[in-house]
Each structure stands twice: as structure tokens, then as C-alpha cells.
Amino acid sequence: MGANKSLPGDGPIPEMHHYYSKFMRECPSGQLSLHEFKKLLGLQGLDPQGDVYIKRVFDIFDLNQDGFIDFLEFIAAINLVIRGKIDQKLKWYFKLYDADGNGCIDKKELLSIFTAIQAINGHTDMSAEEFTNMIFQKIDVNNDGELTLEEFISGVERDPSLMELITKSFDLSNVLKVIQNGRRHSI
């Protein structure tokens, strides 16, 4: 079976109407601003590092870069989180780390995004420095201090423990749970 064949479960998300009504309830204008996005996820008042991370996530979901997430962008993001194949998710993670958008991740970029994620998730088995050094040690094959998209994807796919670590560290399903259950009213 070819890699691009779609599986029976790849159709539209069954809960689409649920997300639509939730999105319109939380965001009647149909345009979710960064401020509303943070409010929806209950992530106001983060430290500066956490703010940087949420802004990066928002910018990546804002596909047309107009400063708002509309419903189609919202659904594309949810679809990636629920159904995304692993290489799609890895591409997304790469985009998240590549803060300057130059197509490579350097140690400083990885360190700053991981520090920001730790600030939000709170749980950590290793420091941001240890995490960054370990990633580069394992997958920077030509030792140039930068990771290309190819190096990143093939390096992570080659190493099951690294794959698990990255998936766990950057798991967006908590964000999805918040969107599904609504945390706005409990603040």
C-alpha cells in the first residue's frame, strides 16, 4: 500500500460541528486573536518564556499570517494534533523550533523553545541545556551546530526514545483537551 493512500478514518473530523459551535461561542467574530487564544487556553500571565512559546504556536497555526486564527486554520491545527502522521508532526515541530525561519535549527533556538515549553508544562526530567545537547549529539550528523529539516526528521525517526521524548514534551493534546472541555469559565 502506497504511503499516500488515505485510510478510512482520514475523512473529516466527526466532531466538526462540536468544534465549530465551540469556536463560534468562544470567538463570535470568527477570528481568534493571540489574546483570545491565550484566554481560551487559560494561559494568560505566563512568564516571558512561556509567552514566546504560545506566540510561536499561534503564528504557526495562523497559516495566512494575518494575525488571527480563523475556523479553517483552527480545524487544520486540530486535525494535525489528532490525525497528523508522524512526519507531519515532526515538520510542525521543526517549524516551531526554527524561530528565525531560516530552515535550520541552532542550539540557541532549541534551547529557548524548550525552556519556554518547560515553563508551561512544568514537568521535566532534564534541564533545557541537557535536552538541547542530547538532541544535537544524537542527530546533528555533520556536527555543524545546525539541524536541517532532513537531519531533524531522519534523526528523530531513527531513534525511538528520542521520538517518544519529543512527542511527550511537545504533545499538544493538553491544548486540545482544553479546547474541547473549555477552561475559560473555571478561571
Protein backbone atom coordinates (compact mmCIF):
# COMPACT_ATOMS: atom_id res chain seq x y z
CA MET A 1 0.00 0.00 0.00
CA GLY A 2 1.44 3.40 -1.03
CA ALA A 3 2.34 5.85 1.71
CA ASN A 4 -0.10 8.45 0.37
CA LYS A 5 -3.21 6.25 0.30
CA SER A 6 -5.76 7.63 2.71
CA LEU A 7 -7.18 5.37 5.36
CA PRO A 8 -10.91 5.07 6.07
CA GLY A 9 -10.56 7.19 9.22
CA ASP A 10 -8.90 10.08 7.36
CA GLY A 11 -12.13 11.84 6.42
CA PRO A 12 -13.48 14.99 8.05
CA ILE A 13 -13.36 15.12 11.82
CA PRO A 14 -16.67 13.73 13.14
CA GLU A 15 -16.83 16.29 15.94
CA MET A 16 -16.53 19.14 13.40
CA HIS A 17 -19.86 20.69 14.41
CA HIS A 18 -18.82 20.48 18.07
CA TYR A 19 -15.61 22.39 17.34
CA TYR A 20 -17.45 24.87 15.16
CA SER A 21 -20.03 25.73 17.83
CA LYS A 22 -17.31 25.91 20.48
CA PHE A 23 -15.13 28.10 18.27
CA MET A 24 -18.04 30.45 17.48
CA ARG A 25 -19.08 30.57 21.15
CA GLU A 26 -15.56 31.45 22.28
CA CYS A 27 -14.89 33.64 19.29
CA PRO A 28 -18.08 35.13 17.77
CA SER A 29 -16.11 37.24 15.26
CA GLY A 30 -14.75 34.04 13.70
CA GLN A 31 -11.23 35.45 14.11
CA LEU A 32 -9.23 34.32 17.12
CA SER A 33 -6.57 36.84 18.19
CA LEU A 34 -3.46 35.89 20.14
CA HIS A 35 -5.05 37.38 23.27
CA GLU A 36 -8.24 35.30 22.79
CA PHE A 37 -6.16 32.20 22.04
CA LYS A 38 -4.33 32.58 25.37
CA LYS A 39 -7.62 33.25 27.15
CA LEU A 40 -9.23 30.17 25.58
CA LEU A 41 -6.35 28.01 26.82
CA GLY A 42 -6.19 29.72 30.22
CA LEU A 43 -2.62 30.80 29.53
CA GLN A 44 -2.65 34.48 30.41
CA GLY A 45 0.02 35.79 32.77
CA LEU A 46 2.75 33.38 31.66
CA ASP A 47 6.37 34.27 32.19
CA PRO A 48 8.08 35.82 29.12
CA GLN A 49 9.48 32.42 28.02
CA GLY A 50 6.03 30.82 28.07
CA ASP A 51 4.63 33.78 26.15
CA VAL A 52 7.24 33.31 23.43
CA TYR A 53 6.20 29.67 23.00
CA ILE A 54 2.46 30.39 22.83
CA LYS A 55 3.11 33.17 20.30
CA ARG A 56 5.13 30.70 18.14
CA VAL A 57 2.33 28.11 18.32
CA PHE A 58 -0.21 30.79 17.40
CA ASP A 59 1.92 32.04 14.47
CA ILE A 60 2.29 28.52 13.06
CA PHE A 61 -1.46 27.89 13.31
CA ASP A 62 -2.08 31.28 11.65
CA LEU A 63 -1.41 29.85 8.18
CA ASN A 64 -2.08 33.05 6.22
CA GLN A 65 -0.17 35.18 8.78
CA ASP A 66 -2.98 37.73 9.17
CA GLY A 67 -2.65 37.86 12.95
CA PHE A 68 -5.79 35.78 13.53
CA ILE A 69 -6.70 32.09 13.57
CA ASP A 70 -9.91 31.57 11.63
CA PHE A 71 -12.03 28.43 11.81
CA LEU A 72 -10.30 26.66 8.89
CA GLU A 73 -6.88 27.29 10.41
CA PHE A 74 -8.25 26.11 13.76
CA ILE A 75 -9.53 22.86 12.24
CA ALA A 76 -6.26 22.33 10.33
CA ALA A 77 -4.42 22.64 13.66
CA ILE A 78 -6.77 20.22 15.44
CA ASN A 79 -6.57 17.78 12.54
CA LEU A 80 -2.77 17.81 12.78
CA VAL A 81 -2.91 17.14 16.52
CA ILE A 82 -5.48 14.31 16.24
CA ARG A 83 -4.70 12.71 12.91
CA GLY A 84 -1.35 14.04 11.78
CA LYS A 85 1.09 11.42 10.56
CA ILE A 86 4.36 11.45 12.46
CA ASP A 87 6.33 13.19 9.69
CA GLN A 88 3.69 15.96 9.51
CA LYS A 89 4.05 16.45 13.25
CA LEU A 90 7.83 16.47 13.01
CA LYS A 91 7.66 19.14 10.28
CA TRP A 92 5.40 21.14 12.56
CA TYR A 93 7.81 20.77 15.50
CA PHE A 94 10.69 21.81 13.24
CA LYS A 95 8.80 24.96 12.24
CA LEU A 96 8.16 25.64 15.91
CA TYR A 97 11.86 25.43 16.78
CA ASP A 98 13.10 27.34 13.74
CA ALA A 99 12.38 30.73 15.31
CA ASP A 100 14.12 32.85 12.66
CA GLY A 101 12.62 30.81 9.80
CA ASN A 102 15.97 30.21 8.07
CA GLY A 103 15.32 26.49 7.54
CA CYS A 104 17.78 25.35 10.24
CA ILE A 105 17.53 24.93 13.99
CA ASP A 106 20.53 26.01 16.02
CA LYS A 107 21.20 25.25 19.68
CA LYS A 108 20.02 28.68 20.83
CA GLU A 109 16.63 28.27 19.12
CA LEU A 110 16.10 24.78 20.51
CA LEU A 111 17.18 25.85 23.98
CA SER A 112 14.85 28.84 24.05
CA ILE A 113 11.78 26.93 22.84
CA PHE A 114 12.40 24.02 25.21
CA THR A 115 12.85 26.44 28.14
CA ALA A 116 9.52 28.02 27.18
CA ILE A 117 7.78 24.64 26.98
CA GLN A 118 9.13 23.67 30.40
CA ALA A 119 7.76 26.95 31.75
CA ILE A 120 4.28 25.87 30.60
CA ASN A 121 4.32 22.12 31.21
CA GLY A 122 6.23 22.33 34.45
CA HIS A 123 7.35 18.67 34.34
CA THR A 124 10.90 17.92 33.37
CA ASP A 125 13.32 15.02 33.62
CA MET A 126 16.25 17.01 32.31
CA SER A 127 17.31 20.63 32.03
CA ALA A 128 16.76 22.54 28.79
CA GLU A 129 20.55 22.51 28.27
CA GLU A 130 20.77 18.73 28.71
CA PHE A 131 17.84 18.24 26.32
CA THR A 132 19.36 20.51 23.68
CA ASN A 133 22.83 18.93 23.92
CA MET A 134 21.36 15.43 23.74
CA ILE A 135 19.32 16.25 20.61
CA PHE A 136 22.33 17.75 18.84
CA GLN A 137 24.62 14.93 19.94
CA LYS A 138 22.18 12.34 18.56
CA ILE A 139 21.06 13.91 15.30
CA ASP A 140 23.47 16.63 14.12
CA VAL A 141 25.24 14.17 11.83
CA ASN A 142 27.64 16.63 10.19
CA ASN A 143 28.34 18.42 13.52
CA ASP A 144 27.80 21.88 12.06
CA GLY A 145 25.76 23.03 15.08
CA GLU A 146 22.59 23.32 12.99
CA LEU A 147 19.83 20.87 12.15
CA THR A 148 18.16 20.90 8.75
CA LEU A 149 14.61 19.58 8.37
CA GLU A 150 16.01 16.36 6.83
CA GLU A 151 18.50 15.82 9.67
CA PHE A 152 15.80 16.50 12.23
CA ILE A 153 13.16 14.16 10.76
CA SER A 154 15.50 11.27 9.91
CA GLY A 155 17.34 11.63 13.24
CA VAL A 156 14.17 11.54 15.30
CA GLU A 157 12.57 8.74 13.24
CA ARG A 158 15.74 6.63 13.66
CA ASP A 159 15.70 6.90 17.44
CA PRO A 160 12.52 5.60 19.17
CA SER A 161 13.48 7.01 22.59
CA LEU A 162 14.09 10.46 21.09
CA MET A 163 10.80 10.25 19.20
CA GLU A 164 8.98 9.46 22.45
CA LEU A 165 10.73 12.29 24.30
CA ILE A 166 9.93 14.87 21.63
CA THR A 167 6.35 13.69 21.25
CA LYS A 168 5.79 13.76 25.01
CA SER A 169 7.49 17.12 25.52
CA PHE A 170 5.61 18.85 22.76
CA ASP A 171 2.34 16.99 22.99
CA LEU A 172 -0.45 19.36 22.01
CA SER A 173 -3.24 17.12 23.21
CA ASN A 174 -3.42 19.07 26.50
CA VAL A 175 -4.16 22.14 24.38
CA LEU A 176 -6.80 20.13 22.55
CA LYS A 177 -8.38 18.92 25.81
CA VAL A 178 -8.67 22.50 26.99
CA ILE A 179 -10.34 23.47 23.72
CA GLN A 180 -12.74 20.51 23.96
CA ASN A 181 -13.63 20.88 27.62
CA GLY A 182 -13.32 24.63 27.90
CA ARG A 183 -11.26 26.05 30.70
CA ARG A 184 -12.35 29.60 30.22
CA HIS A 185 -15.10 29.63 32.83
CA SER A 186 -13.06 27.99 35.57
CA ILE A 187 -10.56 30.87 35.71
